[in-house]
Amino acid sequence: MEIMSRENWTKWEPEPVPSFPLYSFEKIDTDYWYRFAEENPLLHVQIVLIYLIALYVLRNFYMKDRDPLEIRPILFVWNLSMGLFSLFACYRMSLELILVLSWDQGFYKSICVREGLHMSSMFWGILYVWSKVFFLADTFFLVLLKKRIHPFHIVHHTLAVIIPPQIMPFGEPVVRWFSTVNFFVHAICYPILALQAAKVKIPNVGLITMMLELLQMVFALGISFYTVMVKYNGGDCVRHPWSLQLCNYMYIGFLLFVIHLCYQKFSGSKQKEL
């Protein structure tokens, strides 16, 4: 099965948007990174394999007979940093999204039409893809703390690393919704985790993060199905069939996992752990 090829990739050129500035660090060679994703479709699969092997070794050998490590200060800094990163990324990407939404047929254009792309969104979109690799550190922190790890946590991080680089080269407008909403959720969840690391008690923190994840999956799936309906009714929408399948399968799977977790939490069923 072909994952992607040069003929499937149509470049989406950024447009000058005078209403908000482009920072100097956002000026990068986006062509290089898009070609890199296209020419190395299995790189992130290899990263995930290394992640799973390292996780197994760390959990079953290095930490097997050790007490939990005292890494709360490191964990606080890490989660706070990821929260601030996500907040700023959400802000930068939302500028383009809000601008396009203000146009005539803005909602449709923001999802299906290649208009209004800003260079800063391309920069943060690339960081969105690679940030998923850095977020794998979350699991290693849990192992070092000897915390419970739900299988969904592993599956979530694995798919989040593998799928985004597969769809990035297609240059689909809908991705700005996926990435902006994901950054928004992380901008809330990571500061909460930072407060937890600082031993600040937050009531119903598990429920809060679970509901945010649930809403994110429902929203993303709704947006993706919207593109399906547009194409089904004969409308124009920039979606590649391979990307559409990947996104729908991923978000449906995530949604079912989160619903299952919610059911376990509210029913009092015992959760499986690794």
C-alpha atoms as a PDB file:
ATOM      1  CA  MET A   1       0.000   0.000   0.000  1.00  0.00           C
ATOM      2  CA  GLU A   2       1.391   3.396  -1.044  1.00  0.00           C
ATOM      3  CA  ILE A   3       1.516   5.909   1.766  1.00  0.00           C
ATOM      4  CA  MET A   4       2.231   8.957  -0.374  1.00  0.00           C
ATOM      5  CA  SER A   5       4.120   9.951  -3.472  1.00  0.00           C
ATOM      6  CA  ARG A   6       5.340  13.107  -5.180  1.00  0.00           C
ATOM      7  CA  GLU A   7       2.346  13.118  -7.528  1.00  0.00           C
ATOM      8  CA  ASN A   8      -0.021  13.181  -4.567  1.00  0.00           C
ATOM      9  CA  TRP A   9       1.566  16.295  -3.109  1.00  0.00           C
ATOM     10  CA  THR A  10       0.403  19.693  -4.372  1.00  0.00           C
ATOM     11  CA  LYS A  11       2.178  22.511  -2.604  1.00  0.00           C
ATOM     12  CA  TRP A  12       0.068  25.145  -0.863  1.00  0.00           C
ATOM     13  CA  GLU A  13       1.844  28.480  -1.074  1.00  0.00           C
ATOM     14  CA  PRO A  14       1.557  30.937   1.850  1.00  0.00           C
ATOM     15  CA  GLU A  15      -0.029  34.334   1.278  1.00  0.00           C
ATOM     16  CA  PRO A  16       1.031  37.745   2.628  1.00  0.00           C
ATOM     17  CA  VAL A  17      -1.226  38.664   5.536  1.00  0.00           C
ATOM     18  CA  PRO A  18      -0.493  42.221   6.720  1.00  0.00           C
ATOM     19  CA  SER A  19      -2.907  42.002   9.646  1.00  0.00           C
ATOM     20  CA  PHE A  20      -0.445  40.081  11.837  1.00  0.00           C
ATOM     21  CA  PRO A  21       3.368  39.957  11.787  1.00  0.00           C
ATOM     22  CA  LEU A  22       5.723  37.123  10.962  1.00  0.00           C
ATOM     23  CA  TYR A  23       8.420  36.614  13.588  1.00  0.00           C
ATOM     24  CA  SER A  24      11.973  36.078  12.393  1.00  0.00           C
ATOM     25  CA  PHE A  25      12.200  32.578  13.908  1.00  0.00           C
ATOM     26  CA  GLU A  26       9.103  31.558  11.914  1.00  0.00           C
ATOM     27  CA  LYS A  27      10.916  32.130   8.616  1.00  0.00           C
ATOM     28  CA  ILE A  28      12.124  28.644   7.726  1.00  0.00           C
ATOM     29  CA  ASP A  29      12.506  26.551   4.585  1.00  0.00           C
ATOM     30  CA  THR A  30       9.094  24.883   4.703  1.00  0.00           C
ATOM     31  CA  ASP A  31       9.738  23.146   1.365  1.00  0.00           C
ATOM     32  CA  TYR A  32      12.541  21.176   2.989  1.00  0.00           C
ATOM     33  CA  TRP A  33      10.365  19.934   5.839  1.00  0.00           C
ATOM     34  CA  TYR A  34       7.466  19.006   3.572  1.00  0.00           C
ATOM     35  CA  ARG A  35       9.796  17.091   1.260  1.00  0.00           C
ATOM     36  CA  PHE A  36      11.432  15.483   4.276  1.00  0.00           C
ATOM     37  CA  ALA A  37       8.049  14.207   5.504  1.00  0.00           C
ATOM     38  CA  GLU A  38       7.201  12.934   2.035  1.00  0.00           C
ATOM     39  CA  GLU A  39      10.532  11.195   1.470  1.00  0.00           C
ATOM     40  CA  ASN A  40      10.760   9.638   4.954  1.00  0.00           C
ATOM     41  CA  PRO A  41       7.267   8.245   5.609  1.00  0.00           C
ATOM     42  CA  LEU A  42       8.569   5.498   7.912  1.00  0.00           C
ATOM     43  CA  LEU A  43      10.840   7.646  10.090  1.00  0.00           C
ATOM     44  CA  HIS A  44       8.185   8.243  12.730  1.00  0.00           C
ATOM     45  CA  VAL A  45       7.312   4.542  12.738  1.00  0.00           C
ATOM     46  CA  GLN A  46      10.952   3.851  13.574  1.00  0.00           C
ATOM     47  CA  ILE A  47      10.831   6.483  16.325  1.00  0.00           C
ATOM     48  CA  VAL A  48       7.781   4.768  17.800  1.00  0.00           C
ATOM     49  CA  LEU A  49       9.525   1.379  17.760  1.00  0.00           C
ATOM     50  CA  ILE A  50      12.480   2.878  19.649  1.00  0.00           C
ATOM     51  CA  TYR A  51      10.002   4.470  22.069  1.00  0.00           C
ATOM     52  CA  LEU A  52       8.260   1.162  22.774  1.00  0.00           C
ATOM     53  CA  ILE A  53      11.525  -0.748  23.230  1.00  0.00           C
ATOM     54  CA  ALA A  54      12.989   1.930  25.512  1.00  0.00           C
ATOM     55  CA  LEU A  55       9.767   2.020  27.499  1.00  0.00           C
ATOM     56  CA  TYR A  56       9.794  -1.752  27.980  1.00  0.00           C
ATOM     57  CA  VAL A  57      13.441  -1.803  29.077  1.00  0.00           C
ATOM     58  CA  LEU A  58      13.018   1.146  31.432  1.00  0.00           C
ATOM     59  CA  ARG A  59       9.897  -0.257  33.072  1.00  0.00           C
ATOM     60  CA  ASN A  60      10.777  -3.944  33.283  1.00  0.00           C
ATOM     61  CA  PHE A  61      14.492  -3.728  34.002  1.00  0.00           C
ATOM     62  CA  TYR A  62      15.795  -0.355  35.159  1.00  0.00           C
ATOM     63  CA  MET A  63      12.821   0.634  37.363  1.00  0.00           C
ATOM     64  CA  LYS A  64      11.670  -2.861  38.298  1.00  0.00           C
ATOM     65  CA  ASP A  65      13.277  -2.939  41.758  1.00  0.00           C
ATOM     66  CA  ARG A  66      13.745   0.793  42.251  1.00  0.00           C
ATOM     67  CA  ASP A  67      11.642   3.241  44.203  1.00  0.00           C
ATOM     68  CA  PRO A  68       9.899   6.076  42.333  1.00  0.00           C
ATOM     69  CA  LEU A  69      12.344   8.843  41.490  1.00  0.00           C
ATOM     70  CA  GLU A  70      11.875  12.302  42.962  1.00  0.00           C
ATOM     71  CA  ILE A  71      11.566  14.277  39.736  1.00  0.00           C
ATOM     72  CA  ARG A  72       8.676  16.588  40.568  1.00  0.00           C
ATOM     73  CA  PRO A  73      10.682  19.788  39.948  1.00  0.00           C
ATOM     74  CA  ILE A  74      11.693  18.486  36.513  1.00  0.00           C
ATOM     75  CA  LEU A  75       8.127  17.405  35.837  1.00  0.00           C
ATOM     76  CA  PHE A  76       6.813  20.835  36.831  1.00  0.00           C
ATOM     77  CA  VAL A  77       9.208  22.617  34.466  1.00  0.00           C
ATOM     78  CA  TRP A  78       8.467  20.168  31.655  1.00  0.00           C
ATOM     79  CA  ASN A  79       4.686  20.430  31.889  1.00  0.00           C
ATOM     80  CA  LEU A  80       4.754  24.191  32.304  1.00  0.00           C
ATOM     81  CA  SER A  81       7.041  24.520  29.278  1.00  0.00           C
ATOM     82  CA  MET A  82       4.799  22.317  27.158  1.00  0.00           C
ATOM     83  CA  GLY A  83       1.769  24.296  28.292  1.00  0.00           C
ATOM     84  CA  LEU A  84       3.337  27.643  27.372  1.00  0.00           C
ATOM     85  CA  PHE A  85       4.535  26.241  24.047  1.00  0.00           C
ATOM     86  CA  SER A  86       1.035  24.976  23.249  1.00  0.00           C
ATOM     87  CA  LEU A  87      -0.569  28.248  24.323  1.00  0.00           C
ATOM     88  CA  PHE A  88       1.652  30.353  22.066  1.00  0.00           C
ATOM     89  CA  ALA A  89       1.264  27.906  19.168  1.00  0.00           C
ATOM     90  CA  CYS A  90      -2.516  27.997  19.578  1.00  0.00           C
ATOM     91  CA  TYR A  91      -2.431  31.796  19.568  1.00  0.00           C
ATOM     92  CA  ARG A  92      -0.329  31.997  16.402  1.00  0.00           C
ATOM     93  CA  MET A  93      -2.402  29.453  14.488  1.00  0.00           C
ATOM     94  CA  SER A  94      -5.719  30.895  15.647  1.00  0.00           C
ATOM     95  CA  LEU A  95      -4.860  34.246  14.026  1.00  0.00           C
ATOM     96  CA  GLU A  96      -5.077  32.692  10.576  1.00  0.00           C
ATOM     97  CA  LEU A  97      -8.136  30.662  11.483  1.00  0.00           C
ATOM     98  CA  ILE A  98     -10.046  33.673  12.827  1.00  0.00           C
ATOM     99  CA  LEU A  99      -9.129  35.704   9.739  1.00  0.00           C
ATOM    100  CA  VAL A 100     -10.432  33.059   7.325  1.00  0.00           C
ATOM    101  CA  LEU A 101     -13.581  32.538   9.398  1.00  0.00           C
ATOM    102  CA  SER A 102     -14.370  36.258   9.021  1.00  0.00           C
ATOM    103  CA  TRP A 103     -14.605  35.890   5.233  1.00  0.00           C
ATOM    104  CA  ASP A 104     -17.712  35.048   3.233  1.00  0.00           C
ATOM    105  CA  GLN A 105     -18.298  31.284   3.619  1.00  0.00           C
ATOM    106  CA  GLY A 106     -15.447  31.403   6.108  1.00  0.00           C
ATOM    107  CA  PHE A 107     -16.211  28.128   7.879  1.00  0.00           C
ATOM    108  CA  TYR A 108     -16.282  26.194   4.617  1.00  0.00           C
ATOM    109  CA  LYS A 109     -13.142  27.914   3.338  1.00  0.00           C
ATOM    110  CA  SER A 110     -11.266  27.300   6.581  1.00  0.00           C
ATOM    111  CA  ILE A 111     -11.794  23.562   6.142  1.00  0.00           C
ATOM    112  CA  CYS A 112     -11.907  22.915   2.417  1.00  0.00           C
ATOM    113  CA  VAL A 113     -10.338  25.781   0.445  1.00  0.00           C
ATOM    114  CA  ARG A 114      -6.651  26.621   0.122  1.00  0.00           C
ATOM    115  CA  GLU A 115      -6.912  30.299   0.970  1.00  0.00           C
ATOM    116  CA  GLY A 116      -5.426  32.463   3.696  1.00  0.00           C
ATOM    117  CA  LEU A 117      -2.369  30.356   4.518  1.00  0.00           C
ATOM    118  CA  HIS A 118       0.148  32.354   6.546  1.00  0.00           C
ATOM    119  CA  MET A 119       3.830  31.495   6.838  1.00  0.00           C
ATOM    120  CA  SER A 120       3.596  31.384  10.633  1.00  0.00           C
ATOM    121  CA  SER A 121       0.929  28.669  10.439  1.00  0.00           C
ATOM    122  CA  MET A 122       3.212  26.574   8.249  1.00  0.00           C
ATOM    123  CA  PHE A 123       5.977  26.961  10.838  1.00  0.00           C
ATOM    124  CA  TRP A 124       3.737  25.974  13.754  1.00  0.00           C
ATOM    125  CA  GLY A 125       2.167  23.195  11.708  1.00  0.00           C
ATOM    126  CA  ILE A 126       5.600  21.652  11.236  1.00  0.00           C
ATOM    127  CA  LEU A 127       6.299  22.064  14.954  1.00  0.00           C
ATOM    128  CA  TYR A 128       2.939  20.427  15.646  1.00  0.00           C
ATOM    129  CA  VAL A 129       4.117  17.309  13.815  1.00  0.00           C
ATOM    130  CA  TRP A 130       7.492  17.139  15.564  1.00  0.00           C
ATOM    131  CA  SER A 131       6.162  18.109  18.994  1.00  0.00           C
ATOM    132  CA  LYS A 132       4.436  14.731  19.134  1.00  0.00           C
ATOM    133  CA  VAL A 133       7.865  13.122  19.317  1.00  0.00           C
ATOM    134  CA  PHE A 134       8.846  15.266  22.304  1.00  0.00           C
ATOM    135  CA  PHE A 135       5.527  14.532  24.025  1.00  0.00           C
ATOM    136  CA  LEU A 136       6.624  10.884  24.224  1.00  0.00           C
ATOM    137  CA  ALA A 137       8.634  11.996  27.253  1.00  0.00           C
ATOM    138  CA  ASP A 138       5.343  12.037  29.183  1.00  0.00           C
ATOM    139  CA  THR A 139       5.340   8.236  29.289  1.00  0.00           C
ATOM    140  CA  PHE A 140       8.909   7.999  30.531  1.00  0.00           C
ATOM    141  CA  PHE A 141       8.102  10.389  33.372  1.00  0.00           C
ATOM    142  CA  LEU A 142       5.234   8.109  34.393  1.00  0.00           C
ATOM    143  CA  VAL A 143       7.575   5.112  34.413  1.00  0.00           C
ATOM    144  CA  LEU A 144      10.189   6.937  36.505  1.00  0.00           C
ATOM    145  CA  LEU A 145       7.430   7.867  38.959  1.00  0.00           C
ATOM    146  CA  LYS A 146       6.119   4.261  38.813  1.00  0.00           C
ATOM    147  CA  LYS A 147       2.650   5.544  37.981  1.00  0.00           C
ATOM    148  CA  ARG A 148      -0.103   3.531  36.357  1.00  0.00           C
ATOM    149  CA  ILE A 149       0.006   3.609  32.543  1.00  0.00           C
ATOM    150  CA  HIS A 150      -3.245   2.899  30.746  1.00  0.00           C
ATOM    151  CA  PRO A 151      -2.906   1.170  27.331  1.00  0.00           C
ATOM    152  CA  PHE A 152      -4.763   4.113  25.778  1.00  0.00           C
ATOM    153  CA  HIS A 153      -1.885   6.370  26.790  1.00  0.00           C
ATOM    154  CA  ILE A 154       0.554   4.268  24.742  1.00  0.00           C
ATOM    155  CA  VAL A 155      -1.793   3.949  21.762  1.00  0.00           C
ATOM    156  CA  HIS A 156      -2.587   7.672  21.817  1.00  0.00           C
ATOM    157  CA  HIS A 157       1.057   8.740  21.794  1.00  0.00           C
ATOM    158  CA  THR A 158       1.993   6.139  19.183  1.00  0.00           C
ATOM    159  CA  LEU A 159      -0.653   7.194  16.665  1.00  0.00           C
ATOM    160  CA  ALA A 160      -0.087  10.878  17.406  1.00  0.00           C
ATOM    161  CA  VAL A 161       3.539  10.445  16.319  1.00  0.00           C
ATOM    162  CA  ILE A 162       2.891   8.311  13.232  1.00  0.00           C
ATOM    163  CA  ILE A 163      -0.143   9.874  11.539  1.00  0.00           C
ATOM    164  CA  PRO A 164       0.513  13.675  11.365  1.00  0.00           C
ATOM    165  CA  PRO A 165       3.667  13.375   9.187  1.00  0.00           C
ATOM    166  CA  GLN A 166       1.745  11.104   6.818  1.00  0.00           C
ATOM    167  CA  ILE A 167      -0.884  13.760   6.089  1.00  0.00           C
ATOM    168  CA  MET A 168       1.263  16.915   6.343  1.00  0.00           C
ATOM    169  CA  PRO A 169       2.569  16.916   2.722  1.00  0.00           C
ATOM    170  CA  PHE A 170      -0.974  16.926   1.317  1.00  0.00           C
ATOM    171  CA  GLY A 171      -1.445  20.545   2.416  1.00  0.00           C
ATOM    172  CA  GLU A 172      -5.057  20.242   3.564  1.00  0.00           C
ATOM    173  CA  PRO A 173      -6.811  23.301   5.091  1.00  0.00           C
ATOM    174  CA  VAL A 174      -8.629  21.091   7.622  1.00  0.00           C
ATOM    175  CA  VAL A 175      -5.313  20.446   9.371  1.00  0.00           C
ATOM    176  CA  ARG A 176      -5.290  23.979  10.766  1.00  0.00           C
ATOM    177  CA  TRP A 177      -8.399  23.034  12.746  1.00  0.00           C
ATOM    178  CA  PHE A 178      -6.889  19.772  14.009  1.00  0.00           C
ATOM    179  CA  SER A 179      -3.653  21.408  15.135  1.00  0.00           C
ATOM    180  CA  THR A 180      -5.181  24.560  16.642  1.00  0.00           C
ATOM    181  CA  VAL A 181      -7.721  22.633  18.715  1.00  0.00           C
ATOM    182  CA  ASN A 182      -5.058  20.166  19.837  1.00  0.00           C
ATOM    183  CA  PHE A 183      -2.748  22.996  20.909  1.00  0.00           C
ATOM    184  CA  PHE A 184      -5.681  24.564  22.785  1.00  0.00           C
ATOM    185  CA  VAL A 185      -6.386  21.377  24.739  1.00  0.00           C
ATOM    186  CA  HIS A 186      -2.694  20.952  25.572  1.00  0.00           C
ATOM    187  CA  ALA A 187      -2.515  24.593  26.665  1.00  0.00           C
ATOM    188  CA  ILE A 188      -5.042  23.689  29.364  1.00  0.00           C
ATOM    189  CA  CYS A 189      -3.970  20.157  30.282  1.00  0.00           C
ATOM    190  CA  TYR A 190      -0.210  20.679  30.658  1.00  0.00           C
ATOM    191  CA  PRO A 191      -0.461  23.590  33.137  1.00  0.00           C
ATOM    192  CA  ILE A 192      -2.865  21.437  35.160  1.00  0.00           C
ATOM    193  CA  LEU A 193      -0.262  18.665  35.203  1.00  0.00           C
ATOM    194  CA  ALA A 194       2.375  21.228  36.214  1.00  0.00           C
ATOM    195  CA  LEU A 195       0.250  22.246  39.195  1.00  0.00           C
ATOM    196  CA  GLN A 196      -0.153  18.595  40.117  1.00  0.00           C
ATOM    197  CA  ALA A 197       3.620  18.171  40.001  1.00  0.00           C
ATOM    198  CA  ALA A 198       3.839  21.114  42.406  1.00  0.00           C
ATOM    199  CA  LYS A 199       1.454  19.198  44.720  1.00  0.00           C
ATOM    200  CA  VAL A 200      -1.418  21.605  44.158  1.00  0.00           C
ATOM    201  CA  LYS A 201      -4.664  19.723  44.675  1.00  0.00           C
ATOM    202  CA  ILE A 202      -7.100  20.170  41.801  1.00  0.00           C
ATOM    203  CA  PRO A 203     -10.543  18.575  42.234  1.00  0.00           C
ATOM    204  CA  ASN A 204     -11.749  16.273  39.464  1.00  0.00           C
ATOM    205  CA  VAL A 205      -8.571  16.784  37.450  1.00  0.00           C
ATOM    206  CA  GLY A 206      -8.935  13.404  35.768  1.00  0.00           C
ATOM    207  CA  LEU A 207     -12.489  14.199  34.759  1.00  0.00           C
ATOM    208  CA  ILE A 208     -11.485  17.618  33.408  1.00  0.00           C
ATOM    209  CA  THR A 209      -8.717  16.271  31.183  1.00  0.00           C
ATOM    210  CA  MET A 210     -10.871  13.356  30.064  1.00  0.00           C
ATOM    211  CA  MET A 211     -13.728  15.652  29.048  1.00  0.00           C
ATOM    212  CA  LEU A 212     -11.341  17.906  27.145  1.00  0.00           C
ATOM    213  CA  GLU A 213      -9.979  14.916  25.241  1.00  0.00           C
ATOM    214  CA  LEU A 214     -13.516  13.698  24.545  1.00  0.00           C
ATOM    215  CA  LEU A 215     -14.628  17.083  23.215  1.00  0.00           C
ATOM    216  CA  GLN A 216     -11.503  17.305  21.069  1.00  0.00           C
ATOM    217  CA  MET A 217     -12.172  13.924  19.462  1.00  0.00           C
ATOM    218  CA  VAL A 218     -15.847  14.691  18.847  1.00  0.00           C
ATOM    219  CA  PHE A 219     -14.980  18.056  17.316  1.00  0.00           C
ATOM    220  CA  ALA A 220     -12.185  16.698  15.100  1.00  0.00           C
ATOM    221  CA  LEU A 221     -14.353  13.826  13.915  1.00  0.00           C
ATOM    222  CA  GLY A 222     -17.196  16.238  13.181  1.00  0.00           C
ATOM    223  CA  ILE A 223     -14.893  18.463  11.129  1.00  0.00           C
ATOM    224  CA  SER A 224     -13.566  15.469   9.205  1.00  0.00           C
ATOM    225  CA  PHE A 225     -17.070  14.154   8.511  1.00  0.00           C
ATOM    226  CA  TYR A 226     -18.018  17.635   7.318  1.00  0.00           C
ATOM    227  CA  THR A 227     -15.416  17.311   4.560  1.00  0.00           C
ATOM    228  CA  VAL A 228     -16.834  13.900   3.665  1.00  0.00           C
ATOM    229  CA  MET A 229     -20.327  15.361   3.299  1.00  0.00           C
ATOM    230  CA  VAL A 230     -19.059  18.263   1.188  1.00  0.00           C
ATOM    231  CA  LYS A 231     -17.378  15.858  -1.231  1.00  0.00           C
ATOM    232  CA  TYR A 232     -20.349  13.462  -1.149  1.00  0.00           C
ATOM    233  CA  ASN A 233     -22.684  16.287  -2.185  1.00  0.00           C
ATOM    234  CA  GLY A 234     -20.438  17.208  -5.100  1.00  0.00           C
ATOM    235  CA  GLY A 235     -18.670  20.150  -3.474  1.00  0.00           C
ATOM    236  CA  ASP A 236     -14.992  20.998  -3.674  1.00  0.00           C
ATOM    237  CA  CYS A 237     -12.883  20.135  -0.645  1.00  0.00           C
ATOM    238  CA  VAL A 238      -9.129  19.597  -0.505  1.00  0.00           C
ATOM    239  CA  ARG A 239      -8.908  16.165   1.128  1.00  0.00           C
ATOM    240  CA  HIS A 240      -6.772  13.279  -0.057  1.00  0.00           C
ATOM    241  CA  PRO A 241      -8.480   9.849   0.310  1.00  0.00           C
ATOM    242  CA  TRP A 242      -5.504   8.426   2.231  1.00  0.00           C
ATOM    243  CA  SER A 243      -5.479  11.356   4.640  1.00  0.00           C
ATOM    244  CA  LEU A 244      -9.237  11.138   5.085  1.00  0.00           C
ATOM    245  CA  GLN A 245      -9.066   7.461   6.013  1.00  0.00           C
ATOM    246  CA  LEU A 246      -6.176   7.950   8.429  1.00  0.00           C
ATOM    247  CA  CYS A 247      -7.851  10.849  10.232  1.00  0.00           C
ATOM    248  CA  ASN A 248     -11.246   9.188  10.507  1.00  0.00           C
ATOM    249  CA  TYR A 249      -9.869   5.864  11.740  1.00  0.00           C
ATOM    250  CA  MET A 250      -7.617   7.610  14.247  1.00  0.00           C
ATOM    251  CA  TYR A 251     -10.277   9.908  15.688  1.00  0.00           C
ATOM    252  CA  ILE A 252     -12.932   7.192  15.795  1.00  0.00           C
ATOM    253  CA  GLY A 253     -10.484   4.964  17.666  1.00  0.00           C
ATOM    254  CA  PHE A 254      -9.531   7.754  20.064  1.00  0.00           C
ATOM    255  CA  LEU A 255     -13.182   8.624  20.652  1.00  0.00           C
ATOM    256  CA  LEU A 256     -14.097   5.022  21.476  1.00  0.00           C
ATOM    257  CA  PHE A 257     -11.119   4.775  23.846  1.00  0.00           C
ATOM    258  CA  VAL A 258     -12.085   7.963  25.683  1.00  0.00           C
ATOM    259  CA  ILE A 259     -15.734   6.885  25.935  1.00  0.00           C
ATOM    260  CA  HIS A 260     -14.542   3.563  27.348  1.00  0.00           C
ATOM    261  CA  LEU A 261     -12.386   5.376  29.919  1.00  0.00           C
ATOM    262  CA  CYS A 262     -15.328   7.575  30.894  1.00  0.00           C
ATOM    263  CA  TYR A 263     -17.493   4.497  31.328  1.00  0.00           C
ATOM    264  CA  GLN A 264     -14.881   2.842  33.537  1.00  0.00           C
ATOM    265  CA  LYS A 265     -14.514   5.960  35.650  1.00  0.00           C
ATOM    266  CA  PHE A 266     -18.212   6.529  36.239  1.00  0.00           C
ATOM    267  CA  SER A 267     -19.151   2.849  36.572  1.00  0.00           C
ATOM    268  CA  GLY A 268     -16.337   2.107  38.995  1.00  0.00           C
ATOM    269  CA  SER A 269     -14.920  -0.653  36.798  1.00  0.00           C
ATOM    270  CA  LYS A 270     -11.300  -1.537  37.379  1.00  0.00           C
ATOM    271  CA  GLN A 271      -9.043  -0.077  34.706  1.00  0.00           C
ATOM    272  CA  LYS A 272      -6.415  -2.203  33.052  1.00  0.00           C
ATOM    273  CA  GLU A 273      -2.869  -0.949  33.265  1.00  0.00           C
ATOM    274  CA  LEU A 274       0.512  -1.793  31.838  1.00  0.00           C
END
